[in-house]
C-alpha atoms as a PDB file:
ATOM      1  CA  MET A   1       0.028  -0.010   0.135  1.00  0.00           C
ATOM      2  CA  THR A   2       1.549   3.622  -1.026  1.00  0.00           C
ATOM      3  CA  THR A   3       1.178   6.555   1.330  1.00  0.00           C
ATOM      4  CA  ALA A   4      -1.249   8.051  -0.456  1.00  0.00           C
ATOM      5  CA  THR A   5      -3.361   4.985  -0.137  1.00  0.00           C
ATOM      6  CA  ARG A   6      -2.880   4.182   3.189  1.00  0.00           C
ATOM      7  CA  LYS A   7      -3.648   8.030   4.016  1.00  0.00           C
ATOM      8  CA  LEU A   8      -6.882   7.873   1.727  1.00  0.00           C
ATOM      9  CA  ALA A   9      -7.884   4.548   3.870  1.00  0.00           C
ATOM     10  CA  ASN A  10      -7.142   6.238   7.204  1.00  0.00           C
ATOM     11  CA  LYS A  11      -9.163   9.389   6.630  1.00  0.00           C
ATOM     12  CA  ALA A  12     -11.677  10.274   9.310  1.00  0.00           C
ATOM     13  CA  THR A  13     -15.066  10.446   7.177  1.00  0.00           C
ATOM     14  CA  ARG A  14     -17.075  13.904   8.638  1.00  0.00           C
ATOM     15  CA  ASN A  15     -20.742  13.375   8.892  1.00  0.00           C
ATOM     16  CA  HIS A  16     -21.189  17.269   8.624  1.00  0.00           C
ATOM     17  CA  PRO A  17     -19.421  20.384   7.267  1.00  0.00           C
ATOM     18  CA  ASP A  18     -18.595  21.372  10.563  1.00  0.00           C
ATOM     19  CA  GLU A  19     -17.883  18.149  12.486  1.00  0.00           C
ATOM     20  CA  ILE A  20     -14.856  18.528  13.954  1.00  0.00           C
ATOM     21  CA  VAL A  21     -12.096  15.574  14.521  1.00  0.00           C
ATOM     22  CA  ILE A  22     -10.101  15.376  17.703  1.00  0.00           C
ATOM     23  CA  GLY A  23      -7.727  12.431  18.361  1.00  0.00           C
ATOM     24  CA  LEU A  24      -7.632  11.367  22.072  1.00  0.00           C
ATOM     25  CA  VAL A  25      -3.857  10.475  23.237  1.00  0.00           C
ATOM     26  CA  SER A  26      -3.300   8.671  26.380  1.00  0.00           C
ATOM     27  CA  ILE A  27       0.388   8.146  27.142  1.00  0.00           C
ATOM     28  CA  SER A  28       1.274   5.830  29.595  1.00  0.00           C
ATOM     29  CA  ASP A  29       3.777   2.625  29.859  1.00  0.00           C
ATOM     30  CA  ARG A  30       1.465   1.013  32.529  1.00  0.00           C
ATOM     31  CA  ALA A  31      -2.009   1.712  31.302  1.00  0.00           C
ATOM     32  CA  SER A  32      -0.898   0.713  27.596  1.00  0.00           C
ATOM     33  CA  THR A  33       0.311  -2.867  28.595  1.00  0.00           C
ATOM     34  CA  GLY A  34      -2.888  -3.239  30.889  1.00  0.00           C
ATOM     35  CA  VAL A  35      -1.368  -2.795  34.277  1.00  0.00           C
ATOM     36  CA  TYR A  36      -4.388  -0.543  35.206  1.00  0.00           C
ATOM     37  CA  GLU A  37      -7.408   0.800  33.359  1.00  0.00           C
ATOM     38  CA  ASP A  38      -6.816   4.366  31.323  1.00  0.00           C
ATOM     39  CA  LYS A  39      -8.843   6.959  32.597  1.00  0.00           C
ATOM     40  CA  GLY A  40      -7.292   9.902  30.830  1.00  0.00           C
ATOM     41  CA  ILE A  41      -9.241   9.073  27.577  1.00  0.00           C
ATOM     42  CA  PRO A  42     -12.563   8.243  29.108  1.00  0.00           C
ATOM     43  CA  ALA A  43     -12.779  11.997  31.291  1.00  0.00           C
ATOM     44  CA  LEU A  44     -11.714  13.579  27.830  1.00  0.00           C
ATOM     45  CA  GLN A  45     -14.651  12.067  26.102  1.00  0.00           C
ATOM     46  CA  GLU A  46     -17.079  12.519  28.947  1.00  0.00           C
ATOM     47  CA  TRP A  47     -15.803  16.156  28.819  1.00  0.00           C
ATOM     48  CA  LEU A  48     -15.735  16.829  25.520  1.00  0.00           C
ATOM     49  CA  GLY A  49     -19.725  15.561  25.294  1.00  0.00           C
ATOM     50  CA  ALA A  50     -20.617  18.360  28.091  1.00  0.00           C
ATOM     51  CA  ALA A  51     -18.547  20.474  26.484  1.00  0.00           C
ATOM     52  CA  LEU A  52     -19.416  20.833  22.581  1.00  0.00           C
ATOM     53  CA  THR A  53     -22.814  21.739  21.550  1.00  0.00           C
ATOM     54  CA  SER A  54     -21.530  21.233  17.183  1.00  0.00           C
ATOM     55  CA  PRO A  55     -20.947  17.535  15.890  1.00  0.00           C
ATOM     56  CA  PHE A  56     -17.715  15.963  16.892  1.00  0.00           C
ATOM     57  CA  GLN A  57     -16.307  12.795  16.410  1.00  0.00           C
ATOM     58  CA  VAL A  58     -13.034  11.073  18.324  1.00  0.00           C
ATOM     59  CA  VAL A  59     -10.131   8.995  17.402  1.00  0.00           C
ATOM     60  CA  THR A  60      -8.467   7.245  20.110  1.00  0.00           C
ATOM     61  CA  ARG A  61      -5.038   6.078  20.700  1.00  0.00           C
ATOM     62  CA  LEU A  62      -3.498   4.125  24.257  1.00  0.00           C
ATOM     63  CA  ILE A  63       0.281   4.072  23.626  1.00  0.00           C
ATOM     64  CA  GLN A  64       3.539   3.392  25.897  1.00  0.00           C
ATOM     65  CA  ASP A  65       5.796   6.637  26.816  1.00  0.00           C
ATOM     66  CA  ASP A  66       8.693   6.674  24.292  1.00  0.00           C
ATOM     67  CA  ALA A  67       9.263   9.728  21.982  1.00  0.00           C
ATOM     68  CA  PRO A  68       9.145   7.633  18.739  1.00  0.00           C
ATOM     69  CA  THR A  69       6.036   5.869  19.513  1.00  0.00           C
ATOM     70  CA  ILE A  70       4.425   9.490  20.253  1.00  0.00           C
ATOM     71  CA  SER A  71       5.339  11.456  17.513  1.00  0.00           C
ATOM     72  CA  ALA A  72       4.891   8.649  15.024  1.00  0.00           C
ATOM     73  CA  THR A  73       1.302   8.738  16.723  1.00  0.00           C
ATOM     74  CA  LEU A  74       0.733  12.469  16.083  1.00  0.00           C
ATOM     75  CA  ILE A  75       2.075  12.281  12.969  1.00  0.00           C
ATOM     76  CA  GLU A  76      -0.601   9.236  11.991  1.00  0.00           C
ATOM     77  CA  LEU A  77      -3.612  11.112  13.838  1.00  0.00           C
ATOM     78  CA  VAL A  78      -2.682  14.759  11.533  1.00  0.00           C
ATOM     79  CA  ASP A  79      -1.806  13.459   8.422  1.00  0.00           C
ATOM     80  CA  GLU A  80      -3.389  10.272   7.406  1.00  0.00           C
ATOM     81  CA  VAL A  81      -6.889  10.729  10.252  1.00  0.00           C
ATOM     82  CA  ALA A  82      -6.815  14.458   9.301  1.00  0.00           C
ATOM     83  CA  CYS A  83      -7.595  15.443  13.076  1.00  0.00           C
ATOM     84  CA  ASP A  84      -8.554  18.934  13.577  1.00  0.00           C
ATOM     85  CA  LEU A  85      -7.260  19.011  17.454  1.00  0.00           C
ATOM     86  CA  VAL A  86      -5.716  16.320  19.396  1.00  0.00           C
ATOM     87  CA  LEU A  87      -5.225  16.179  22.904  1.00  0.00           C
ATOM     88  CA  THR A  88      -2.834  13.717  24.530  1.00  0.00           C
ATOM     89  CA  THR A  89      -2.875  13.089  28.393  1.00  0.00           C
ATOM     90  CA  GLY A  90       0.409  12.331  30.330  1.00  0.00           C
ATOM     91  CA  GLY A  91       4.110  12.198  30.217  1.00  0.00           C
ATOM     92  CA  THR A  92       4.436  15.538  31.004  1.00  0.00           C
ATOM     93  CA  GLY A  93       6.477  15.967  34.162  1.00  0.00           C
ATOM     94  CA  PRO A  94      10.110  15.883  34.997  1.00  0.00           C
ATOM     95  CA  SER A  95      10.789  11.914  35.386  1.00  0.00           C
ATOM     96  CA  ARG A  96      13.324  10.601  32.239  1.00  0.00           C
ATOM     97  CA  ARG A  97      10.306   8.755  31.304  1.00  0.00           C
ATOM     98  CA  ASP A  98       7.965  11.902  30.950  1.00  0.00           C
ATOM     99  CA  VAL A  99       9.349  13.049  26.872  1.00  0.00           C
ATOM    100  CA  THR A 100       5.249  14.198  25.402  1.00  0.00           C
ATOM    101  CA  PRO A 101       6.755  17.443  25.015  1.00  0.00           C
ATOM    102  CA  GLU A 102       9.588  16.616  23.506  1.00  0.00           C
ATOM    103  CA  ALA A 103       7.853  14.359  21.123  1.00  0.00           C
ATOM    104  CA  THR A 104       5.535  17.082  20.464  1.00  0.00           C
ATOM    105  CA  LEU A 105       7.527  19.510  19.565  1.00  0.00           C
ATOM    106  CA  ALA A 106       9.314  17.048  17.691  1.00  0.00           C
ATOM    107  CA  VAL A 107       6.622  17.113  14.722  1.00  0.00           C
ATOM    108  CA  ALA A 108       5.420  20.829  15.230  1.00  0.00           C
ATOM    109  CA  THR A 109       5.743  23.320  12.768  1.00  0.00           C
ATOM    110  CA  LYS A 110       4.197  26.235  15.031  1.00  0.00           C
ATOM    111  CA  GLU A 111       4.687  26.729  18.935  1.00  0.00           C
ATOM    112  CA  MET A 112       2.011  27.966  20.823  1.00  0.00           C
ATOM    113  CA  PRO A 113       3.482  28.648  24.157  1.00  0.00           C
ATOM    114  CA  GLY A 114       0.029  30.418  25.369  1.00  0.00           C
ATOM    115  CA  PHE A 115      -1.984  27.454  26.215  1.00  0.00           C
ATOM    116  CA  GLY A 116       1.063  25.502  28.389  1.00  0.00           C
ATOM    117  CA  GLU A 117       1.727  29.172  30.694  1.00  0.00           C
ATOM    118  CA  GLN A 118      -2.217  29.205  31.124  1.00  0.00           C
ATOM    119  CA  MET A 119      -2.740  25.499  32.164  1.00  0.00           C
ATOM    120  CA  ARG A 120       0.182  26.164  34.478  1.00  0.00           C
ATOM    121  CA  GLN A 121      -1.429  29.675  35.546  1.00  0.00           C
ATOM    122  CA  ILE A 122      -4.541  27.663  36.686  1.00  0.00           C
ATOM    123  CA  SER A 123      -2.955  24.533  38.153  1.00  0.00           C
ATOM    124  CA  LEU A 124      -1.321  26.777  40.567  1.00  0.00           C
ATOM    125  CA  ASN A 125      -3.809  27.522  42.200  1.00  0.00           C
ATOM    126  CA  PHE A 126      -4.575  23.743  43.383  1.00  0.00           C
ATOM    127  CA  VAL A 127      -1.016  22.734  43.994  1.00  0.00           C
ATOM    128  CA  PRO A 128       2.492  23.898  44.210  1.00  0.00           C
ATOM    129  CA  THR A 129       3.757  21.446  41.672  1.00  0.00           C
ATOM    130  CA  ALA A 130       2.197  22.458  38.853  1.00  0.00           C
ATOM    131  CA  ILE A 131       5.521  24.288  38.255  1.00  0.00           C
ATOM    132  CA  LEU A 132       7.117  21.383  37.489  1.00  0.00           C
ATOM    133  CA  SER A 133       3.946  20.536  34.356  1.00  0.00           C
ATOM    134  CA  ARG A 134       5.971  20.857  31.090  1.00  0.00           C
ATOM    135  CA  GLN A 135       2.753  20.491  28.708  1.00  0.00           C
ATOM    136  CA  VAL A 136       2.936  22.480  25.484  1.00  0.00           C
ATOM    137  CA  ALA A 137       0.838  23.184  22.517  1.00  0.00           C
ATOM    138  CA  VAL A 138       1.805  23.193  19.092  1.00  0.00           C
ATOM    139  CA  ILE A 139       0.221  23.331  15.386  1.00  0.00           C
ATOM    140  CA  ARG A 140       1.633  20.776  12.901  1.00  0.00           C
ATOM    141  CA  GLU A 141       0.701  22.034   9.314  1.00  0.00           C
ATOM    142  CA  THR A 142       0.958  19.580   5.644  1.00  0.00           C
ATOM    143  CA  ALA A 143       0.194  20.825   2.510  1.00  0.00           C
ATOM    144  CA  ASP A 144      -3.717  20.863   2.682  1.00  0.00           C
ATOM    145  CA  HIS A 145      -4.437  20.585   6.250  1.00  0.00           C
ATOM    146  CA  ALA A 146      -3.425  21.595  10.149  1.00  0.00           C
ATOM    147  CA  ALA A 147      -4.257  21.108  13.324  1.00  0.00           C
ATOM    148  CA  LEU A 148      -3.811  21.869  16.405  1.00  0.00           C
ATOM    149  CA  ILE A 149      -2.143  19.733  19.308  1.00  0.00           C
ATOM    150  CA  ILE A 150      -2.114  20.018  23.104  1.00  0.00           C
ATOM    151  CA  ASN A 151      -0.451  18.161  25.544  1.00  0.00           C
ATOM    152  CA  LEU A 152      -2.890  18.140  28.928  1.00  0.00           C
ATOM    153  CA  PRO A 153      -1.774  16.893  32.378  1.00  0.00           C
ATOM    154  CA  GLY A 154      -2.312  13.344  33.128  1.00  0.00           C
ATOM    155  CA  GLN A 155      -5.093  13.663  36.434  1.00  0.00           C
ATOM    156  CA  PRO A 156      -8.836  13.712  35.318  1.00  0.00           C
ATOM    157  CA  LYS A 157      -9.291  16.337  37.652  1.00  0.00           C
ATOM    158  CA  SER A 158      -6.706  18.165  36.357  1.00  0.00           C
ATOM    159  CA  ILE A 159      -7.549  17.923  32.962  1.00  0.00           C
ATOM    160  CA  LYS A 160     -11.155  19.439  34.025  1.00  0.00           C
ATOM    161  CA  GLU A 161      -9.709  22.137  35.136  1.00  0.00           C
ATOM    162  CA  THR A 162      -7.374  23.117  32.906  1.00  0.00           C
ATOM    163  CA  LEU A 163      -9.817  23.224  30.058  1.00  0.00           C
ATOM    164  CA  GLU A 164     -12.694  24.848  32.090  1.00  0.00           C
ATOM    165  CA  GLY A 165     -10.601  27.144  34.425  1.00  0.00           C
ATOM    166  CA  LEU A 166     -11.462  28.758  37.603  1.00  0.00           C
ATOM    167  CA  ARG A 167     -14.486  30.032  38.674  1.00  0.00           C
ATOM    168  CA  ASP A 168     -15.550  32.325  41.491  1.00  0.00           C
ATOM    169  CA  ALA A 169     -18.230  30.817  44.357  1.00  0.00           C
ATOM    170  CA  ASP A 170     -18.570  33.894  45.428  1.00  0.00           C
ATOM    171  CA  ALA A 171     -20.062  35.313  42.502  1.00  0.00           C
ATOM    172  CA  GLY A 172     -22.769  32.856  41.521  1.00  0.00           C
ATOM    173  CA  GLY A 173     -19.986  30.933  39.329  1.00  0.00           C
ATOM    174  CA  ALA A 174     -18.383  33.682  37.102  1.00  0.00           C
ATOM    175  CA  VAL A 175     -15.443  32.708  35.511  1.00  0.00           C
ATOM    176  CA  LYS A 176     -12.359  34.104  37.416  1.00  0.00           C
ATOM    177  CA  VAL A 177      -9.526  32.371  35.601  1.00  0.00           C
ATOM    178  CA  PRO A 178     -10.129  31.336  31.696  1.00  0.00           C
ATOM    179  CA  GLY A 179      -9.633  27.642  30.624  1.00  0.00           C
ATOM    180  CA  ILE A 180      -7.729  27.504  27.750  1.00  0.00           C
ATOM    181  CA  PHE A 181     -10.527  25.847  25.610  1.00  0.00           C
ATOM    182  CA  ALA A 182     -11.850  28.755  25.609  1.00  0.00           C
ATOM    183  CA  ALA A 183      -9.267  29.813  22.834  1.00  0.00           C
ATOM    184  CA  VAL A 184      -9.558  26.111  21.092  1.00  0.00           C
ATOM    185  CA  PRO A 185     -12.600  26.998  18.697  1.00  0.00           C
ATOM    186  CA  PHE A 186     -11.044  29.938  17.417  1.00  0.00           C
ATOM    187  CA  CYS A 187      -7.850  28.699  16.718  1.00  0.00           C
ATOM    188  CA  ILE A 188      -9.402  25.683  14.829  1.00  0.00           C
ATOM    189  CA  ASP A 189     -10.985  28.509  12.700  1.00  0.00           C
ATOM    190  CA  LEU A 190      -7.494  30.491  11.911  1.00  0.00           C
ATOM    191  CA  ILE A 191      -6.013  27.427  10.820  1.00  0.00           C
ATOM    192  CA  GLY A 192      -8.905  25.931   8.451  1.00  0.00           C
ATOM    193  CA  GLY A 193     -11.345  23.795  10.597  1.00  0.00           C
ATOM    194  CA  PRO A 194     -14.571  23.168  11.509  1.00  0.00           C
ATOM    195  CA  TYR A 195     -16.492  26.253  13.096  1.00  0.00           C
ATOM    196  CA  VAL A 196     -16.615  24.460  16.579  1.00  0.00           C
ATOM    197  CA  GLU A 197     -19.533  25.474  18.979  1.00  0.00           C
ATOM    198  CA  THR A 198     -19.619  24.992  23.264  1.00  0.00           C
ATOM    199  CA  ASN A 199     -21.683  24.518  25.909  1.00  0.00           C
ATOM    200  CA  ALA A 200     -21.073  27.784  27.844  1.00  0.00           C
ATOM    201  CA  ASP A 201     -22.393  26.498  30.966  1.00  0.00           C
ATOM    202  CA  VAL A 202     -18.906  24.496  31.175  1.00  0.00           C
ATOM    203  CA  VAL A 203     -16.787  26.713  28.711  1.00  0.00           C
ATOM    204  CA  LYS A 204     -17.353  29.730  26.756  1.00  0.00           C
ATOM    205  CA  ALA A 205     -15.783  30.039  23.351  1.00  0.00           C
ATOM    206  CA  PHE A 206     -14.468  33.259  22.644  1.00  0.00           C
ATOM    207  CA  ARG A 207     -14.272  35.062  19.036  1.00  0.00           C
ATOM    208  CA  PRO A 208     -14.121  38.093  17.826  1.00  0.00           C
ATOM    209  CA  LYS A 209     -17.003  39.589  16.521  1.00  0.00           C
ATOM    210  CA  ASN A 210     -16.512  39.615  13.431  1.00  0.00           C
ATOM    211  CA  ALA A 211     -15.650  36.050  13.303  1.00  0.00           C
ATOM    212  CA  VAL A 212     -18.544  34.817  14.958  1.00  0.00           C
ATOM    213  CA  ARG A 213     -21.135  32.988  12.076  1.00  0.00           C
ATOM    214  CA  ALA A 214     -24.190  30.936  11.881  1.00  0.00           C
ATOM    215  CA  PRO A 215     -23.193  27.336  11.556  1.00  0.00           C
ATOM    216  CA  ARG A 216     -23.639  25.232   8.451  1.00  0.00           C
ATOM    217  CA  GLN A 217     -26.673  23.358   7.687  1.00  0.00           C
ATOM    218  CA  GLY A 218     -25.921  19.594   7.742  1.00  0.00           C
END
């Protein structure tokens, strides 16, 4: 099978013009070998189900924590499956086996440092060890496609916090510190992806007024 044929065979089929294809990658040596149950992908699927109001589909991968495997998986999901967004979980700490950021940067065409900065800012409200996290976000571009890749924390609670942000309980739950997902739909717009809409009760997508449009018809 040629590279072009393989890409065509693996490419996701969209059921709606605004359907976003999201790759979910859980990176863990022990979970990938069945030592314990992976919790990252189920947590992300549950969160996306509550947060997105526009059509979406997910493609999942559970892989071991080594740089060649991580990079190859990201390339496959973007170049062959044609994911618009890839969310990874795990492997972003300081230990020797934590190589997700390096493997992500290796496949990037652009870095998006604001995502990692904001994730650490949010997590520091909960634990001082958030400064040990090394999550990065990047854009990967091919000739006819581009995708946003974001490294998320490994724990479901931390994933939810960084995606949604912080709310002020004394102000009726008003957003105190925006979560990173608020910026994701507009980023997807800018790289030529589908128009993503969110449930404002979970996370409100931000777009400049001139970028707001009505959803396409299916």
